[in-house]
Amino acid sequence: METRELKETLKKKIDNANDDVLLEILNIFNNEEIEGGDWYKNASPALKDALQKSIEQAERGEVIPHEEVMRKIKAKYGFK
């Protein structure tokens, strides 16, 4: 995907995004501006909560191997 196409796709996604997603995107851009910044420190409470839940699931072994996920995605969307 070329840069122009990528920007157009992102603009469309942003136009349809909810407030939580928009705040996360803004945090990503703000963190890029701070060299050596701690992205987690600036993450929203919702993102921190989601990350903590993910860590707990992984610790309980409630995970799907990457290879299996990729196999399903490729089959579903016809990727090679």
Protein backbone atom coordinates (compact mmCIF):
# COMPACT_ATOMS: atom_id res chain seq x y z
CA MET A 1 0.00 0.00 0.00
CA GLU A 2 1.40 3.38 -0.96
CA THR A 3 1.63 6.25 1.51
CA ARG A 4 -1.26 8.13 -0.09
CA GLU A 5 -3.53 5.08 0.07
CA LEU A 6 -2.48 4.38 3.64
CA LYS A 7 -3.32 7.94 4.71
CA GLU A 8 -6.72 7.78 2.99
CA THR A 9 -7.51 4.48 4.70
CA LEU A 10 -6.49 5.85 8.09
CA LYS A 11 -8.58 9.00 7.58
CA LYS A 12 -11.65 6.90 6.84
CA LYS A 13 -11.04 4.73 9.91
CA ILE A 14 -10.56 7.82 12.09
CA ASP A 15 -13.77 9.39 10.78
CA ASN A 16 -15.69 6.31 11.95
CA ALA A 17 -13.80 5.66 15.20
CA ASN A 18 -15.32 6.04 18.66
CA ASP A 19 -13.86 8.34 21.31
CA ASP A 20 -11.85 5.58 23.04
CA VAL A 21 -10.10 4.65 19.80
CA LEU A 22 -9.44 8.30 18.96
CA LEU A 23 -7.85 8.87 22.38
CA GLU A 24 -5.61 5.84 21.92
CA ILE A 25 -4.52 7.07 18.49
CA LEU A 26 -3.78 10.51 19.94
CA ASN A 27 -1.72 8.88 22.69
CA ILE A 28 0.30 6.97 20.10
CA PHE A 29 1.13 10.16 18.22
CA ASN A 30 1.88 12.08 21.41
CA ASN A 31 4.21 9.34 22.63
CA GLU A 32 6.13 9.40 19.35
CA GLU A 33 6.85 13.06 20.00
CA ILE A 34 8.41 12.28 23.38
CA GLU A 35 11.74 10.59 22.74
CA GLY A 36 12.20 7.72 25.13
CA GLY A 37 8.71 8.31 26.52
CA ASP A 38 6.90 5.67 28.53
CA TRP A 39 3.83 4.84 26.46
CA TYR A 40 2.26 2.83 29.29
CA LYS A 41 2.39 5.78 31.66
CA ASN A 42 0.36 7.80 29.15
CA ALA A 43 -2.03 4.97 28.21
CA SER A 44 -5.72 5.34 29.00
CA PRO A 45 -7.24 3.46 31.94
CA ALA A 46 -9.24 1.37 29.44
CA LEU A 47 -6.06 0.26 27.65
CA LYS A 48 -4.27 -0.50 30.91
CA ASP A 49 -7.26 -2.57 32.04
CA ALA A 50 -7.34 -4.48 28.74
CA LEU A 51 -3.61 -5.17 28.96
CA GLN A 52 -3.92 -6.43 32.54
CA LYS A 53 -6.77 -8.75 31.56
CA SER A 54 -4.67 -10.06 28.66
CA ILE A 55 -1.73 -10.74 30.94
CA GLU A 56 -3.97 -12.63 33.37
CA GLN A 57 -5.44 -14.71 30.53
CA ALA A 58 -1.95 -15.58 29.30
CA GLU A 59 -0.87 -16.57 32.80
CA ARG A 60 -3.85 -18.97 32.96
CA GLY A 61 -2.85 -20.43 29.60
CA GLU A 62 -5.87 -18.96 27.82
CA VAL A 63 -3.99 -18.17 24.64
CA ILE A 64 -4.10 -19.09 20.97
CA PRO A 65 -0.73 -19.71 19.27
CA HIS A 66 0.22 -17.13 16.65
CA GLU A 67 0.48 -19.78 13.97
CA GLU A 68 -3.11 -20.88 14.57
CA VAL A 69 -4.43 -17.32 14.47
CA MET A 70 -2.58 -16.61 11.23
CA ARG A 71 -3.84 -19.84 9.68
CA LYS A 72 -7.45 -18.87 10.50
CA ILE A 73 -7.04 -15.32 9.20
CA LYS A 74 -5.44 -16.50 5.98
CA ALA A 75 -8.23 -19.01 5.43
CA LYS A 76 -10.97 -16.52 6.25
CA TYR A 77 -9.66 -13.67 4.11
CA GLY A 78 -7.91 -15.68 1.39
CA PHE A 79 -4.39 -14.49 2.24
CA LYS A 80 -1.44 -16.55 1.06
